[in-house]
Amino acid sequence: MWVWITADNGDKWGFEAGAPAQLVRDGFPRSSLKEGTKLAITFHPVRDGRHGGSLTKVAFDDGRVNNGGAIASSPGGPSPPKQ
C-alpha cells in the first residue's frame, strides 16, 4: 500500500507500507488516515533523494503509534497522484 502526504511546507511525499490486510491486523485500517490528519512519520528514505521511502512508524496526534506494516526495502515507487 502507498500513503501519500503533504508536508507542512507543501511538498508531496509517498511512503510504501505493508499489505492492506497486514495493516488492518496491526490496528491501522484505512479509516485511520483521513485528509487533514496530523502525523509524525519515520521512514527509510529512497536512495535517489526523492520525497518518499519505506514507512517504518506512524505516530498520530492522539498518541497512537503504528509500524505501518513496515517492510524491509526502500521503494522505487510510482509517481505521486495528479491533483
Protein backbone atom coordinates (compact mmCIF):
# COMPACT_ATOMS: atom_id res chain seq x y z
CA MET A 1 0.00 0.00 0.00
CA TRP A 2 1.15 3.56 -0.63
CA VAL A 3 0.43 6.51 1.64
CA TRP A 4 0.67 9.99 0.14
CA ILE A 5 1.03 13.01 2.40
CA THR A 6 1.52 16.72 2.03
CA ALA A 7 4.20 18.11 4.36
CA ASP A 8 3.73 21.39 6.21
CA ASN A 9 5.80 23.14 3.51
CA GLY A 10 3.51 21.83 0.74
CA ASP A 11 5.86 19.10 -0.60
CA LYS A 12 4.18 15.81 -1.59
CA TRP A 13 5.73 12.63 -0.12
CA GLY A 14 4.96 8.98 -0.92
CA PHE A 15 5.54 6.13 1.50
CA GLU A 16 5.35 2.42 0.84
CA ALA A 17 3.67 0.49 3.64
CA GLY A 18 2.73 -3.14 4.17
CA ALA A 19 -0.15 -5.00 2.60
CA PRO A 20 -3.64 -3.71 3.48
CA ALA A 21 -4.55 -6.92 5.33
CA GLN A 22 -1.38 -6.67 7.44
CA LEU A 23 -2.10 -3.04 8.27
CA VAL A 24 -5.63 -3.90 9.41
CA ARG A 25 -4.28 -6.76 11.59
CA ASP A 26 -1.84 -4.26 13.13
CA GLY A 27 -4.71 -1.90 14.02
CA PHE A 28 -4.12 0.51 11.13
CA PRO A 29 -7.31 0.39 8.99
CA ARG A 30 -7.84 2.65 6.00
CA SER A 31 -10.21 4.78 8.08
CA SER A 32 -7.32 5.79 10.38
CA LEU A 33 -5.90 8.06 7.65
CA LYS A 34 -8.24 10.86 6.68
CA GLU A 35 -7.41 14.05 4.86
CA GLY A 36 -6.06 16.61 7.30
CA THR A 37 -4.83 14.04 9.84
CA LYS A 38 -1.61 15.25 11.50
CA LEU A 39 1.13 12.60 11.57
CA ALA A 40 4.77 12.18 12.52
CA ILE A 41 6.38 9.65 10.17
CA THR A 42 9.59 7.66 10.47
CA PHE A 43 10.83 6.04 7.26
CA HIS A 44 13.75 4.61 5.30
CA PRO A 45 14.39 7.17 2.52
CA VAL A 46 14.76 6.29 -1.14
CA ARG A 47 18.38 6.32 -2.28
CA ASP A 48 17.97 8.87 -5.05
CA GLY A 49 16.72 11.59 -2.71
CA ARG A 50 13.13 11.82 -3.97
CA HIS A 51 10.41 12.61 -1.42
CA GLY A 52 9.49 9.16 -0.22
CA GLY A 53 10.55 5.94 1.34
CA SER A 54 9.59 2.83 3.20
CA LEU A 55 7.26 3.58 6.11
CA THR A 56 8.54 2.32 9.47
CA LYS A 57 6.42 4.20 12.03
CA VAL A 58 3.38 6.46 12.12
CA ALA A 59 2.60 8.50 15.23
CA PHE A 60 -0.79 10.23 15.45
CA ASP A 61 -1.54 13.41 17.43
CA ASP A 62 -3.73 11.40 19.83
CA GLY A 63 -0.76 9.22 20.88
CA ARG A 64 -1.46 6.16 18.75
CA VAL A 65 1.63 4.65 17.12
CA ASN A 66 1.76 2.05 14.35
CA ASN A 67 4.61 0.45 12.44
CA GLY A 68 2.74 0.97 9.16
CA GLY A 69 3.23 -2.67 8.17
CA ALA A 70 6.94 -1.85 7.96
CA ILE A 71 8.76 -3.53 5.12
CA ALA A 72 12.46 -4.16 4.65
CA SER A 73 13.39 -2.41 1.39
CA SER A 74 13.12 1.13 0.07
CA PRO A 75 10.63 1.59 -2.77
CA GLY A 76 11.31 2.60 -6.35
CA GLY A 77 7.78 3.84 -6.27
CA PRO A 78 5.16 5.25 -8.58
CA SER A 79 4.72 8.96 -9.21
CA PRO A 80 2.53 10.99 -6.85
CA PRO A 81 -1.13 11.26 -7.83
CA LYS A 82 -2.07 14.22 -10.04
CA GLN A 83 -4.27 16.86 -8.46
